[in-house]
Amino acid sequence: MADKTLEDIAQDMRDIDFTMLFTRAEGGEIAGRPMSNNGDVTFDGDSWFFTYEDTHTVRDIKADPRVAMSLTGKAGLLGKPPLFLSIEGRAEIIRDRAAFEAHWFKSLRMWFPEGIDTPGMVLLNIHASRIHYWDGTDEGEIRL
């Protein structure tokens, strides 16, 4: 097992935009949806995603805040496998304007045309509790 630190994982995540966010849906099924880090890659154990309140994702989180994320990095040199990350945590639904401002990027207007004043918009804060990683030769786990 390798000994990556949270800072190492944060550095690795800088080049990964999209993650699959998994929630427990009604009936117990697992539902996965792509979410973008939106350039917000200062990972300290928390991930931030904008979405709309009236979505299956938010309904699932209201019922059960336990979530997971899956991220895949770019393929390595000379055929080396990419980095794979599996992150477990708890989701919190944020409706605070100051938090919106802190994590807002202009490119988000594609999905949220009125910026931080878009009606029905919420921010998901995923607090990681466990990170498992593989890169083809090393694997390890970080508990937060």
C-alpha atoms as a PDB file:
ATOM      1  CA  MET A   1       0.000   0.000   0.000  1.00  0.00           C
ATOM      2  CA  ALA A   2       1.197   3.474  -0.859  1.00  0.00           C
ATOM      3  CA  ASP A   3       1.099   6.347   1.551  1.00  0.00           C
ATOM      4  CA  LYS A   4      -0.580   9.190  -0.296  1.00  0.00           C
ATOM      5  CA  THR A   5      -1.668  12.113   1.830  1.00  0.00           C
ATOM      6  CA  LEU A   6      -4.779  14.230   1.491  1.00  0.00           C
ATOM      7  CA  GLU A   7      -2.563  16.883  -0.121  1.00  0.00           C
ATOM      8  CA  ASP A   8      -1.366  14.318  -2.704  1.00  0.00           C
ATOM      9  CA  ILE A   9      -4.977  13.407  -3.506  1.00  0.00           C
ATOM     10  CA  ALA A  10      -5.882  17.102  -3.792  1.00  0.00           C
ATOM     11  CA  GLN A  11      -3.039  17.610  -6.272  1.00  0.00           C
ATOM     12  CA  ASP A  12      -4.176  14.581  -8.298  1.00  0.00           C
ATOM     13  CA  MET A  13      -7.771  15.894  -8.379  1.00  0.00           C
ATOM     14  CA  ARG A  14      -6.742  19.197 -10.002  1.00  0.00           C
ATOM     15  CA  ASP A  15      -6.865  17.553 -13.442  1.00  0.00           C
ATOM     16  CA  ILE A  16     -10.194  15.757 -12.873  1.00  0.00           C
ATOM     17  CA  ASP A  17     -13.318  17.789 -13.564  1.00  0.00           C
ATOM     18  CA  PHE A  18     -16.172  15.299 -13.531  1.00  0.00           C
ATOM     19  CA  THR A  19     -17.137  12.839 -10.855  1.00  0.00           C
ATOM     20  CA  MET A  20     -19.981  10.402 -10.567  1.00  0.00           C
ATOM     21  CA  LEU A  21     -21.963  11.214  -7.418  1.00  0.00           C
ATOM     22  CA  PHE A  22     -23.839   8.220  -6.016  1.00  0.00           C
ATOM     23  CA  THR A  23     -26.865   8.482  -3.753  1.00  0.00           C
ATOM     24  CA  ARG A  24     -29.247   5.946  -2.311  1.00  0.00           C
ATOM     25  CA  ALA A  25     -32.498   6.324  -4.228  1.00  0.00           C
ATOM     26  CA  GLU A  26     -36.008   5.536  -3.094  1.00  0.00           C
ATOM     27  CA  GLY A  27     -36.328   1.792  -2.655  1.00  0.00           C
ATOM     28  CA  GLY A  28     -32.638   1.418  -1.804  1.00  0.00           C
ATOM     29  CA  GLU A  29     -31.239   1.439  -5.336  1.00  0.00           C
ATOM     30  CA  ILE A  30     -27.952   3.208  -6.006  1.00  0.00           C
ATOM     31  CA  ALA A  31     -28.227   6.172  -8.392  1.00  0.00           C
ATOM     32  CA  GLY A  32     -25.224   7.830 -10.023  1.00  0.00           C
ATOM     33  CA  ARG A  33     -25.096  11.217 -11.717  1.00  0.00           C
ATOM     34  CA  PRO A  34     -22.203  13.170 -13.240  1.00  0.00           C
ATOM     35  CA  MET A  35     -21.240  16.315 -11.362  1.00  0.00           C
ATOM     36  CA  SER A  36     -18.550  18.872 -12.170  1.00  0.00           C
ATOM     37  CA  ASN A  37     -16.008  20.277  -9.742  1.00  0.00           C
ATOM     38  CA  ASN A  38     -16.416  23.497 -11.762  1.00  0.00           C
ATOM     39  CA  GLY A  39     -12.738  24.238 -11.333  1.00  0.00           C
ATOM     40  CA  ASP A  40     -13.159  24.149  -7.536  1.00  0.00           C
ATOM     41  CA  VAL A  41     -10.299  21.731  -6.913  1.00  0.00           C
ATOM     42  CA  THR A  42      -8.864  22.980  -3.653  1.00  0.00           C
ATOM     43  CA  PHE A  43      -9.779  19.633  -2.117  1.00  0.00           C
ATOM     44  CA  ASP A  44      -9.508  19.497   1.662  1.00  0.00           C
ATOM     45  CA  GLY A  45     -11.937  16.632   2.164  1.00  0.00           C
ATOM     46  CA  ASP A  46     -14.939  18.647   0.981  1.00  0.00           C
ATOM     47  CA  SER A  47     -16.351  18.737  -2.547  1.00  0.00           C
ATOM     48  CA  TRP A  48     -18.848  21.329  -3.781  1.00  0.00           C
ATOM     49  CA  PHE A  49     -21.498  20.928  -6.486  1.00  0.00           C
ATOM     50  CA  PHE A  50     -24.261  23.263  -7.631  1.00  0.00           C
ATOM     51  CA  THR A  51     -27.614  21.735  -8.550  1.00  0.00           C
ATOM     52  CA  TYR A  52     -31.312  22.464  -8.320  1.00  0.00           C
ATOM     53  CA  GLU A  53     -33.377  21.722  -5.216  1.00  0.00           C
ATOM     54  CA  ASP A  54     -36.068  19.950  -7.235  1.00  0.00           C
ATOM     55  CA  THR A  55     -33.912  17.027  -8.405  1.00  0.00           C
ATOM     56  CA  HIS A  56     -33.722  13.342  -7.613  1.00  0.00           C
ATOM     57  CA  THR A  57     -30.220  13.930  -6.254  1.00  0.00           C
ATOM     58  CA  VAL A  58     -31.407  16.385  -3.607  1.00  0.00           C
ATOM     59  CA  ARG A  59     -34.453  14.266  -2.730  1.00  0.00           C
ATOM     60  CA  ASP A  60     -32.172  11.260  -2.257  1.00  0.00           C
ATOM     61  CA  ILE A  61     -29.800  13.242  -0.026  1.00  0.00           C
ATOM     62  CA  LYS A  62     -32.672  14.543   2.100  1.00  0.00           C
ATOM     63  CA  ALA A  63     -33.695  10.931   2.745  1.00  0.00           C
ATOM     64  CA  ASP A  64     -30.150   9.604   3.259  1.00  0.00           C
ATOM     65  CA  PRO A  65     -27.119  11.936   3.270  1.00  0.00           C
ATOM     66  CA  ARG A  66     -24.608   9.092   2.801  1.00  0.00           C
ATOM     67  CA  VAL A  67     -23.046   9.410  -0.664  1.00  0.00           C
ATOM     68  CA  ALA A  68     -20.109   8.170  -2.682  1.00  0.00           C
ATOM     69  CA  MET A  69     -18.111   9.638  -5.536  1.00  0.00           C
ATOM     70  CA  SER A  70     -16.014   7.993  -8.227  1.00  0.00           C
ATOM     71  CA  LEU A  71     -13.299   9.866 -10.119  1.00  0.00           C
ATOM     72  CA  THR A  72     -10.930   8.733 -12.857  1.00  0.00           C
ATOM     73  CA  GLY A  73      -7.803  10.622 -13.842  1.00  0.00           C
ATOM     74  CA  LYS A  74      -6.077  10.747 -17.192  1.00  0.00           C
ATOM     75  CA  ALA A  75      -4.185   7.704 -18.440  1.00  0.00           C
ATOM     76  CA  GLY A  76      -0.552   7.659 -17.447  1.00  0.00           C
ATOM     77  CA  LEU A  77       2.522   7.646 -19.650  1.00  0.00           C
ATOM     78  CA  LEU A  78       3.614   4.497 -21.463  1.00  0.00           C
ATOM     79  CA  GLY A  79       0.297   2.749 -20.885  1.00  0.00           C
ATOM     80  CA  LYS A  80       0.262   3.259 -17.123  1.00  0.00           C
ATOM     81  CA  PRO A  81      -3.316   3.069 -15.786  1.00  0.00           C
ATOM     82  CA  PRO A  82      -4.976   6.281 -14.639  1.00  0.00           C
ATOM     83  CA  LEU A  83      -5.631   7.173 -11.024  1.00  0.00           C
ATOM     84  CA  PHE A  84      -8.963   5.928  -9.701  1.00  0.00           C
ATOM     85  CA  LEU A  85     -10.560   7.471  -6.612  1.00  0.00           C
ATOM     86  CA  SER A  86     -13.515   6.274  -4.582  1.00  0.00           C
ATOM     87  CA  ILE A  87     -14.738   8.747  -1.974  1.00  0.00           C
ATOM     88  CA  GLU A  88     -17.352   8.071   0.694  1.00  0.00           C
ATOM     89  CA  GLY A  89     -18.962  10.825   2.712  1.00  0.00           C
ATOM     90  CA  ARG A  90     -22.031  12.714   3.804  1.00  0.00           C
ATOM     91  CA  ALA A  91     -23.800  15.371   1.796  1.00  0.00           C
ATOM     92  CA  GLU A  92     -25.097  18.647   3.145  1.00  0.00           C
ATOM     93  CA  ILE A  93     -27.530  20.852   1.221  1.00  0.00           C
ATOM     94  CA  ILE A  94     -26.458  24.511   1.377  1.00  0.00           C
ATOM     95  CA  ARG A  95     -28.818  27.418   0.646  1.00  0.00           C
ATOM     96  CA  ASP A  96     -26.516  30.212   1.834  1.00  0.00           C
ATOM     97  CA  ARG A  97     -25.766  33.060  -0.581  1.00  0.00           C
ATOM     98  CA  ALA A  98     -22.260  33.601   0.860  1.00  0.00           C
ATOM     99  CA  ALA A  99     -21.418  29.944   0.171  1.00  0.00           C
ATOM    100  CA  PHE A 100     -22.776  30.347  -3.377  1.00  0.00           C
ATOM    101  CA  GLU A 101     -20.479  33.337  -3.914  1.00  0.00           C
ATOM    102  CA  ALA A 102     -17.468  31.466  -2.499  1.00  0.00           C
ATOM    103  CA  HIS A 103     -17.841  28.583  -4.970  1.00  0.00           C
ATOM    104  CA  TRP A 104     -19.284  30.339  -8.021  1.00  0.00           C
ATOM    105  CA  PHE A 105     -17.626  30.301 -11.441  1.00  0.00           C
ATOM    106  CA  LYS A 106     -18.873  32.270 -14.444  1.00  0.00           C
ATOM    107  CA  SER A 107     -18.985  29.105 -16.563  1.00  0.00           C
ATOM    108  CA  LEU A 108     -21.843  27.857 -14.356  1.00  0.00           C
ATOM    109  CA  ARG A 109     -24.212  30.315 -16.051  1.00  0.00           C
ATOM    110  CA  MET A 110     -24.719  27.652 -18.715  1.00  0.00           C
ATOM    111  CA  TRP A 111     -26.829  25.744 -16.163  1.00  0.00           C
ATOM    112  CA  PHE A 112     -27.746  28.559 -13.777  1.00  0.00           C
ATOM    113  CA  PRO A 113     -28.547  31.574 -15.980  1.00  0.00           C
ATOM    114  CA  GLU A 114     -29.254  34.022 -13.159  1.00  0.00           C
ATOM    115  CA  GLY A 115     -25.984  33.312 -11.385  1.00  0.00           C
ATOM    116  CA  ILE A 116     -26.126  32.981  -7.624  1.00  0.00           C
ATOM    117  CA  ASP A 117     -29.664  34.378  -7.744  1.00  0.00           C
ATOM    118  CA  THR A 118     -30.977  31.477  -9.855  1.00  0.00           C
ATOM    119  CA  PRO A 119     -34.256  30.355  -8.266  1.00  0.00           C
ATOM    120  CA  GLY A 120     -34.172  26.865  -6.807  1.00  0.00           C
ATOM    121  CA  MET A 121     -30.390  26.541  -6.916  1.00  0.00           C
ATOM    122  CA  VAL A 122     -28.615  24.807  -4.022  1.00  0.00           C
ATOM    123  CA  LEU A 123     -25.029  23.881  -3.287  1.00  0.00           C
ATOM    124  CA  LEU A 124     -24.074  20.377  -2.214  1.00  0.00           C
ATOM    125  CA  ASN A 125     -21.179  20.057   0.196  1.00  0.00           C
ATOM    126  CA  ILE A 126     -19.827  16.516   0.297  1.00  0.00           C
ATOM    127  CA  HIS A 127     -17.788  15.892   3.448  1.00  0.00           C
ATOM    128  CA  ALA A 128     -15.473  12.961   2.713  1.00  0.00           C
ATOM    129  CA  SER A 129     -14.951  10.355   5.407  1.00  0.00           C
ATOM    130  CA  ARG A 130     -12.921   7.790   3.430  1.00  0.00           C
ATOM    131  CA  ILE A 131     -10.892   7.967   0.225  1.00  0.00           C
ATOM    132  CA  HIS A 132      -9.632   4.856  -1.516  1.00  0.00           C
ATOM    133  CA  TYR A 133      -7.221   5.191  -4.441  1.00  0.00           C
ATOM    134  CA  TRP A 134      -5.602   2.970  -7.058  1.00  0.00           C
ATOM    135  CA  ASP A 135      -3.116   3.939  -9.757  1.00  0.00           C
ATOM    136  CA  GLY A 136      -2.223   0.577 -11.270  1.00  0.00           C
ATOM    137  CA  THR A 137       0.707  -0.107  -8.983  1.00  0.00           C
ATOM    138  CA  ASP A 138      -0.243   1.445  -5.668  1.00  0.00           C
ATOM    139  CA  GLU A 139      -3.414   1.580  -3.675  1.00  0.00           C
ATOM    140  CA  GLY A 140      -4.314   3.026  -0.338  1.00  0.00           C
ATOM    141  CA  GLU A 141      -6.916   4.528   1.898  1.00  0.00           C
ATOM    142  CA  ILE A 142      -7.225   7.808   3.725  1.00  0.00           C
ATOM    143  CA  ARG A 143      -9.731   8.166   6.550  1.00  0.00           C
ATOM    144  CA  LEU A 144     -10.811  11.663   7.471  1.00  0.00           C
END
